[in-house]
Amino acid sequence: MFSYLQNNLNTAKTAKDLHVPANTVGLRVRKAEELLHVSLANTESLIHFGMALMADQVVQVSTGSPRPSGANGAAQL
């Protein structure tokens, strides 16, 4: 999801970064929205989601815990 947000919700760019088909990105985004009961089309939800991902990054850095990474070091979708 981090990569998807970094790519300004662009499915094609995210797919290229993660080396997966674009439809896979779309499916994973919809699945995340379903599991989290949010819509990233809603600006407020998008802001909250982005802040939660940033908070997760801070925790990961402060605890020294490794995190899964994609092609550019971003968390995979």
PDB file of N, CA and C in Angstrom:
ATOM      1  N   MET A   1       0.823  -1.191   0.000  1.00  0.00           N
ATOM      2  CA  MET A   1       0.000   0.000   0.000  1.00  0.00           C
ATOM      3  C   MET A   1       0.869   1.258   0.000  1.00  0.00           C
ATOM      4  N   PHE A   2       2.022   1.157   0.661  1.00  0.00           N
ATOM      5  CA  PHE A   2       2.911   2.310   0.699  1.00  0.00           C
ATOM      6  C   PHE A   2       3.318   2.715  -0.709  1.00  0.00           C
ATOM      7  N   SER A   3       3.675   1.749  -1.523  1.00  0.00           N
ATOM      8  CA  SER A   3       4.069   2.031  -2.902  1.00  0.00           C
ATOM      9  C   SER A   3       2.909   2.646  -3.684  1.00  0.00           C
ATOM     10  N   TYR A   4       1.714   2.153  -3.473  1.00  0.00           N
ATOM     11  CA  TYR A   4       0.521   2.680  -4.145  1.00  0.00           C
ATOM     12  C   TYR A   4       0.307   4.148  -3.785  1.00  0.00           C
ATOM     13  N   LEU A   5       0.478   4.487  -2.519  1.00  0.00           N
ATOM     14  CA  LEU A   5       0.332   5.883  -2.101  1.00  0.00           C
ATOM     15  C   LEU A   5       1.470   6.737  -2.643  1.00  0.00           C
ATOM     16  N   GLN A   6       2.687   6.202  -2.635  1.00  0.00           N
ATOM     17  CA  GLN A   6       3.824   6.962  -3.160  1.00  0.00           C
ATOM     18  C   GLN A   6       3.673   7.229  -4.652  1.00  0.00           C
ATOM     19  N   ASN A   7       2.974   6.365  -5.343  1.00  0.00           N
ATOM     20  CA  ASN A   7       2.742   6.536  -6.773  1.00  0.00           C
ATOM     21  C   ASN A   7       1.433   7.271  -7.051  1.00  0.00           C
ATOM     22  N   ASN A   8       0.961   8.027  -6.076  1.00  0.00           N
ATOM     23  CA  ASN A   8      -0.253   8.846  -6.223  1.00  0.00           C
ATOM     24  C   ASN A   8      -1.455   8.040  -6.702  1.00  0.00           C
ATOM     25  N   LEU A   9      -1.613   6.849  -6.126  1.00  0.00           N
ATOM     26  CA  LEU A   9      -2.730   5.953  -6.422  1.00  0.00           C
ATOM     27  C   LEU A   9      -2.746   5.506  -7.883  1.00  0.00           C
ATOM     28  N   ASN A  10      -1.585   5.541  -8.522  1.00  0.00           N
ATOM     29  CA  ASN A  10      -1.466   5.131  -9.917  1.00  0.00           C
ATOM     30  C   ASN A  10      -1.163   3.635  -9.966  1.00  0.00           C
ATOM     31  N   THR A  11      -2.146   2.880 -10.432  1.00  0.00           N
ATOM     32  CA  THR A  11      -2.023   1.428 -10.460  1.00  0.00           C
ATOM     33  C   THR A  11      -0.897   0.967 -11.378  1.00  0.00           C
ATOM     34  N   ALA A  12      -0.768   1.574 -12.547  1.00  0.00           N
ATOM     35  CA  ALA A  12       0.258   1.158 -13.508  1.00  0.00           C
ATOM     36  C   ALA A  12       1.670   1.392 -12.967  1.00  0.00           C
ATOM     37  N   LYS A  13       1.908   2.556 -12.368  1.00  0.00           N
ATOM     38  CA  LYS A  13       3.229   2.849 -11.809  1.00  0.00           C
ATOM     39  C   LYS A  13       3.546   1.923 -10.637  1.00  0.00           C
ATOM     40  N   THR A  14       2.549   1.667  -9.807  1.00  0.00           N
ATOM     41  CA  THR A  14       2.744   0.779  -8.666  1.00  0.00           C
ATOM     42  C   THR A  14       3.078  -0.631  -9.153  1.00  0.00           C
ATOM     43  N   ALA A  15       2.358  -1.081 -10.147  1.00  0.00           N
ATOM     44  CA  ALA A  15       2.602  -2.415 -10.708  1.00  0.00           C
ATOM     45  C   ALA A  15       4.024  -2.515 -11.249  1.00  0.00           C
ATOM     46  N   LYS A  16       4.465  -1.475 -11.925  1.00  0.00           N
ATOM     47  CA  LYS A  16       5.821  -1.476 -12.475  1.00  0.00           C
ATOM     48  C   LYS A  16       6.859  -1.538 -11.346  1.00  0.00           C
ATOM     49  N   ASP A  17       6.669  -0.738 -10.300  1.00  0.00           N
ATOM     50  CA  ASP A  17       7.597  -0.730  -9.162  1.00  0.00           C
ATOM     51  C   ASP A  17       7.670  -2.079  -8.468  1.00  0.00           C
ATOM     52  N   LEU A  18       6.516  -2.750  -8.352  1.00  0.00           N
ATOM     53  CA  LEU A  18       6.450  -4.014  -7.624  1.00  0.00           C
ATOM     54  C   LEU A  18       6.625  -5.240  -8.519  1.00  0.00           C
ATOM     55  N   HIS A  19       6.748  -5.001  -9.829  1.00  0.00           N
ATOM     56  CA  HIS A  19       6.923  -6.084 -10.796  1.00  0.00           C
ATOM     57  C   HIS A  19       5.773  -7.089 -10.749  1.00  0.00           C
ATOM     58  N   VAL A  20       4.555  -6.538 -10.732  1.00  0.00           N
ATOM     59  CA  VAL A  20       3.353  -7.368 -10.773  1.00  0.00           C
ATOM     60  C   VAL A  20       2.411  -6.788 -11.817  1.00  0.00           C
ATOM     61  N   PRO A  21       1.445  -7.562 -12.309  1.00  0.00           N
ATOM     62  CA  PRO A  21       0.466  -7.016 -13.250  1.00  0.00           C
ATOM     63  C   PRO A  21      -0.395  -5.930 -12.593  1.00  0.00           C
ATOM     64  N   ALA A  22      -0.823  -4.966 -13.394  1.00  0.00           N
ATOM     65  CA  ALA A  22      -1.632  -3.859 -12.878  1.00  0.00           C
ATOM     66  C   ALA A  22      -2.930  -4.353 -12.243  1.00  0.00           C
ATOM     67  N   ASN A  23      -3.536  -5.389 -12.831  1.00  0.00           N
ATOM     68  CA  ASN A  23      -4.791  -5.876 -12.240  1.00  0.00           C
ATOM     69  C   ASN A  23      -4.560  -6.458 -10.852  1.00  0.00           C
ATOM     70  N   THR A  24      -3.359  -6.978 -10.583  1.00  0.00           N
ATOM     71  CA  THR A  24      -3.033  -7.497  -9.253  1.00  0.00           C
ATOM     72  C   THR A  24      -3.038  -6.359  -8.238  1.00  0.00           C
ATOM     73  N   VAL A  25      -2.491  -5.219  -8.628  1.00  0.00           N
ATOM     74  CA  VAL A  25      -2.484  -4.049  -7.734  1.00  0.00           C
ATOM     75  C   VAL A  25      -3.918  -3.650  -7.428  1.00  0.00           C
ATOM     76  N   GLY A  26      -4.749  -3.553  -8.448  1.00  0.00           N
ATOM     77  CA  GLY A  26      -6.143  -3.186  -8.241  1.00  0.00           C
ATOM     78  C   GLY A  26      -6.871  -4.147  -7.314  1.00  0.00           C
ATOM     79  N   LEU A  27      -6.626  -5.437  -7.513  1.00  0.00           N
ATOM     80  CA  LEU A  27      -7.266  -6.439  -6.657  1.00  0.00           C
ATOM     81  C   LEU A  27      -6.803  -6.321  -5.210  1.00  0.00           C
ATOM     82  N   ARG A  28      -5.514  -6.098  -5.017  1.00  0.00           N
ATOM     83  CA  ARG A  28      -4.978  -5.978  -3.656  1.00  0.00           C
ATOM     84  C   ARG A  28      -5.484  -4.715  -2.967  1.00  0.00           C
ATOM     85  N   VAL A  29      -5.608  -3.634  -3.715  1.00  0.00           N
ATOM     86  CA  VAL A  29      -6.131  -2.396  -3.134  1.00  0.00           C
ATOM     87  C   VAL A  29      -7.578  -2.603  -2.700  1.00  0.00           C
ATOM     88  N   ARG A  30      -8.377  -3.197  -3.577  1.00  0.00           N
ATOM     89  CA  ARG A  30      -9.781  -3.449  -3.224  1.00  0.00           C
ATOM     90  C   ARG A  30      -9.890  -4.379  -2.020  1.00  0.00           C
ATOM     91  N   LYS A  31      -9.031  -5.394  -1.957  1.00  0.00           N
ATOM     92  CA  LYS A  31      -9.053  -6.324  -0.827  1.00  0.00           C
ATOM     93  C   LYS A  31      -8.687  -5.594   0.469  1.00  0.00           C
ATOM     94  N   ALA A  32      -7.671  -4.730   0.411  1.00  0.00           N
ATOM     95  CA  ALA A  32      -7.279  -3.956   1.600  1.00  0.00           C
ATOM     96  C   ALA A  32      -8.415  -3.040   2.043  1.00  0.00           C
ATOM     97  N   GLU A  33      -9.059  -2.382   1.086  1.00  0.00           N
ATOM     98  CA  GLU A  33     -10.185  -1.512   1.420  1.00  0.00           C
ATOM     99  C   GLU A  33     -11.300  -2.312   2.086  1.00  0.00           C
ATOM    100  N   GLU A  34     -11.555  -3.498   1.562  1.00  0.00           N
ATOM    101  CA  GLU A  34     -12.607  -4.355   2.122  1.00  0.00           C
ATOM    102  C   GLU A  34     -12.259  -4.789   3.549  1.00  0.00           C
ATOM    103  N   LEU A  35     -11.026  -5.237   3.752  1.00  0.00           N
ATOM    104  CA  LEU A  35     -10.608  -5.702   5.073  1.00  0.00           C
ATOM    105  C   LEU A  35     -10.569  -4.581   6.105  1.00  0.00           C
ATOM    106  N   LEU A  36     -10.208  -3.377   5.645  1.00  0.00           N
ATOM    107  CA  LEU A  36     -10.075  -2.236   6.560  1.00  0.00           C
ATOM    108  C   LEU A  36     -11.346  -1.398   6.659  1.00  0.00           C
ATOM    109  N   HIS A  37     -12.331  -1.751   5.860  1.00  0.00           N
ATOM    110  CA  HIS A  37     -13.604  -1.010   5.835  1.00  0.00           C
ATOM    111  C   HIS A  37     -13.388   0.469   5.540  1.00  0.00           C
ATOM    112  N   VAL A  38     -12.559   0.753   4.524  1.00  0.00           N
ATOM    113  CA  VAL A  38     -12.307   2.121   4.083  1.00  0.00           C
ATOM    114  C   VAL A  38     -12.375   2.174   2.568  1.00  0.00           C
ATOM    115  N   SER A  39     -12.503   3.386   2.053  1.00  0.00           N
ATOM    116  CA  SER A  39     -12.415   3.621   0.617  1.00  0.00           C
ATOM    117  C   SER A  39     -11.328   4.662   0.394  1.00  0.00           C
ATOM    118  N   LEU A  40     -10.316   4.311  -0.388  1.00  0.00           N
ATOM    119  CA  LEU A  40      -9.253   5.265  -0.656  1.00  0.00           C
ATOM    120  C   LEU A  40      -9.705   6.360  -1.619  1.00  0.00           C
ATOM    121  N   ALA A  41     -10.932   6.241  -2.131  1.00  0.00           N
ATOM    122  CA  ALA A  41     -11.513   7.311  -2.930  1.00  0.00           C
ATOM    123  C   ALA A  41     -11.984   8.451  -2.029  1.00  0.00           C
ATOM    124  N   ASN A  42     -12.157   8.158  -0.743  1.00  0.00           N
ATOM    125  CA  ASN A  42     -12.561   9.154   0.247  1.00  0.00           C
ATOM    126  C   ASN A  42     -11.305   9.852   0.765  1.00  0.00           C
ATOM    127  N   THR A  43     -11.239  11.165   0.598  1.00  0.00           N
ATOM    128  CA  THR A  43     -10.046  11.930   0.959  1.00  0.00           C
ATOM    129  C   THR A  43      -9.667  11.757   2.422  1.00  0.00           C
ATOM    130  N   GLU A  44     -10.636  11.805   3.309  1.00  0.00           N
ATOM    131  CA  GLU A  44     -10.347  11.664   4.736  1.00  0.00           C
ATOM    132  C   GLU A  44      -9.760  10.283   5.049  1.00  0.00           C
ATOM    133  N   SER A  45     -10.332   9.250   4.449  1.00  0.00           N
ATOM    134  CA  SER A  45      -9.806   7.894   4.649  1.00  0.00           C
ATOM    135  C   SER A  45      -8.391   7.777   4.099  1.00  0.00           C
ATOM    136  N   LEU A  46      -8.161   8.390   2.955  1.00  0.00           N
ATOM    137  CA  LEU A  46      -6.839   8.361   2.332  1.00  0.00           C
ATOM    138  C   LEU A  46      -5.797   9.027   3.226  1.00  0.00           C
ATOM    139  N   ILE A  47      -6.154  10.151   3.811  1.00  0.00           N
ATOM    140  CA  ILE A  47      -5.236  10.855   4.728  1.00  0.00           C
ATOM    141  C   ILE A  47      -4.959   9.999   5.958  1.00  0.00           C
ATOM    142  N   HIS A  48      -5.994   9.433   6.552  1.00  0.00           N
ATOM    143  CA  HIS A  48      -5.812   8.573   7.731  1.00  0.00           C
ATOM    144  C   HIS A  48      -4.938   7.370   7.402  1.00  0.00           C
ATOM    145  N   PHE A  49      -5.172   6.771   6.249  1.00  0.00           N
ATOM    146  CA  PHE A  49      -4.413   5.602   5.848  1.00  0.00           C
ATOM    147  C   PHE A  49      -2.940   5.969   5.645  1.00  0.00           C
ATOM    148  N   GLY A  50      -2.707   7.093   4.978  1.00  0.00           N
ATOM    149  CA  GLY A  50      -1.334   7.553   4.763  1.00  0.00           C
ATOM    150  C   GLY A  50      -0.625   7.843   6.073  1.00  0.00           C
ATOM    151  N   MET A  51      -1.328   8.448   7.005  1.00  0.00           N
ATOM    152  CA  MET A  51      -0.731   8.736   8.316  1.00  0.00           C
ATOM    153  C   MET A  51      -0.420   7.449   9.071  1.00  0.00           C
ATOM    154  N   ALA A  52      -1.295   6.464   8.959  1.00  0.00           N
ATOM    155  CA  ALA A  52      -1.053   5.182   9.621  1.00  0.00           C
ATOM    156  C   ALA A  52       0.191   4.499   9.046  1.00  0.00           C
ATOM    157  N   LEU A  53       0.367   4.562   7.736  1.00  0.00           N
ATOM    158  CA  LEU A  53       1.558   3.974   7.123  1.00  0.00           C
ATOM    159  C   LEU A  53       2.825   4.709   7.553  1.00  0.00           C
ATOM    160  N   MET A  54       2.735   6.029   7.665  1.00  0.00           N
ATOM    161  CA  MET A  54       3.900   6.799   8.129  1.00  0.00           C
ATOM    162  C   MET A  54       4.224   6.450   9.577  1.00  0.00           C
ATOM    163  N   ALA A  55       3.204   6.297  10.404  1.00  0.00           N
ATOM    164  CA  ALA A  55       3.421   5.915  11.805  1.00  0.00           C
ATOM    165  C   ALA A  55       4.076   4.543  11.879  1.00  0.00           C
ATOM    166  N   ASP A  56       3.651   3.635  11.011  1.00  0.00           N
ATOM    167  CA  ASP A  56       4.254   2.303  10.970  1.00  0.00           C
ATOM    168  C   ASP A  56       5.733   2.392  10.610  1.00  0.00           C
ATOM    169  N   GLN A  57       6.065   3.259   9.684  1.00  0.00           N
ATOM    170  CA  GLN A  57       7.471   3.442   9.307  1.00  0.00           C
ATOM    171  C   GLN A  57       8.290   3.938  10.494  1.00  0.00           C
ATOM    172  N   VAL A  58       7.748   4.874  11.243  1.00  0.00           N
ATOM    173  CA  VAL A  58       8.446   5.404  12.410  1.00  0.00           C
ATOM    174  C   VAL A  58       8.699   4.290  13.420  1.00  0.00           C
ATOM    175  N   VAL A  59       7.695   3.483  13.674  1.00  0.00           N
ATOM    176  CA  VAL A  59       7.836   2.369  14.620  1.00  0.00           C
ATOM    177  C   VAL A  59       8.882   1.388  14.111  1.00  0.00           C
ATOM    178  N   GLN A  60       8.842   1.064  12.835  1.00  0.00           N
ATOM    179  CA  GLN A  60       9.808   0.123  12.271  1.00  0.00           C
ATOM    180  C   GLN A  60      11.235   0.640  12.410  1.00  0.00           C
ATOM    181  N   VAL A  61      11.433   1.912  12.141  1.00  0.00           N
ATOM    182  CA  VAL A  61      12.772   2.504  12.248  1.00  0.00           C
ATOM    183  C   VAL A  61      13.215   2.557  13.703  1.00  0.00           C
ATOM    184  N   SER A  62      12.322   2.969  14.590  1.00  0.00           N
ATOM    185  CA  SER A  62      12.696   3.122  15.998  1.00  0.00           C
ATOM    186  C   SER A  62      12.960   1.794  16.698  1.00  0.00           C
ATOM    187  N   THR A  63      12.319   0.720  16.228  1.00  0.00           N
ATOM    188  CA  THR A  63      12.534  -0.582  16.853  1.00  0.00           C
ATOM    189  C   THR A  63      13.580  -1.403  16.113  1.00  0.00           C
ATOM    190  N   GLY A  64      13.972  -0.936  14.947  1.00  0.00           N
ATOM    191  CA  GLY A  64      14.954  -1.665  14.162  1.00  0.00           C
ATOM    192  C   GLY A  64      14.404  -2.921  13.525  1.00  0.00           C
ATOM    193  N   SER A  65      13.085  -3.044  13.491  1.00  0.00           N
ATOM    194  CA  SER A  65      12.453  -4.224  12.901  1.00  0.00           C
ATOM    195  C   SER A  65      12.513  -4.146  11.380  1.00  0.00           C
ATOM    196  N   PRO A  66      12.892  -5.236  10.754  1.00  0.00           N
ATOM    197  CA  PRO A  66      12.889  -5.231   9.288  1.00  0.00           C
ATOM    198  C   PRO A  66      11.459  -5.251   8.765  1.00  0.00           C
ATOM    199  N   ARG A  67      11.263  -4.746   7.570  1.00  0.00           N
ATOM    200  CA  ARG A  67       9.948  -4.801   6.948  1.00  0.00           C
ATOM    201  C   ARG A  67      10.106  -5.314   5.533  1.00  0.00           C
ATOM    202  N   PRO A  68       9.100  -5.996   5.014  1.00  0.00           N
ATOM    203  CA  PRO A  68       9.174  -6.479   3.642  1.00  0.00           C
ATOM    204  C   PRO A  68       9.340  -5.308   2.699  1.00  0.00           C
ATOM    205  N   SER A  69      10.121  -5.485   1.670  1.00  0.00           N
ATOM    206  CA  SER A  69      10.325  -4.363   0.746  1.00  0.00           C
ATOM    207  C   SER A  69      10.087  -4.781  -0.684  1.00  0.00           C
ATOM    208  N   GLY A  70       9.655  -3.815  -1.487  1.00  0.00           N
ATOM    209  CA  GLY A  70       9.453  -4.007  -2.914  1.00  0.00           C
ATOM    210  C   GLY A  70      10.727  -3.641  -3.645  1.00  0.00           C
ATOM    211  N   ALA A  71      10.577  -3.363  -4.912  1.00  0.00           N
ATOM    212  CA  ALA A  71      11.718  -3.084  -5.775  1.00  0.00           C
ATOM    213  C   ALA A  71      12.498  -1.842  -5.330  1.00  0.00           C
ATOM    214  N   ASN A  72      11.794  -0.839  -4.806  1.00  0.00           N
ATOM    215  CA  ASN A  72      12.467   0.407  -4.435  1.00  0.00           C
ATOM    216  C   ASN A  72      12.560   0.576  -2.919  1.00  0.00           C
ATOM    217  N   GLY A  73      12.437  -0.504  -2.187  1.00  0.00           N
ATOM    218  CA  GLY A  73      12.541  -0.431  -0.740  1.00  0.00           C
ATOM    219  C   GLY A  73      11.244  -0.087  -0.042  1.00  0.00           C
ATOM    220  N   ALA A  74      10.192   0.156  -0.804  1.00  0.00           N
ATOM    221  CA  ALA A  74       8.902   0.487  -0.197  1.00  0.00           C
ATOM    222  C   ALA A  74       8.194  -0.795   0.210  1.00  0.00           C
ATOM    223  N   ALA A  75       7.354  -0.679   1.192  1.00  0.00           N
ATOM    224  CA  ALA A  75       6.569  -1.836   1.626  1.00  0.00           C
ATOM    225  C   ALA A  75       5.717  -2.307   0.462  1.00  0.00           C
ATOM    226  N   GLN A  76       5.633  -3.595   0.309  1.00  0.00           N
ATOM    227  CA  GLN A  76       4.845  -4.125  -0.792  1.00  0.00           C
ATOM    228  C   GLN A  76       3.374  -3.913  -0.544  1.00  0.00           C
ATOM    229  N   LEU A  77       2.652  -3.912  -1.639  1.00  0.00           N
ATOM    230  CA  LEU A  77       1.204  -3.759  -1.589  1.00  0.00           C
ATOM    231  C   LEU A  77       0.656  -4.994  -0.972  1.00  0.00           C
TER     232      LEU A  77
END
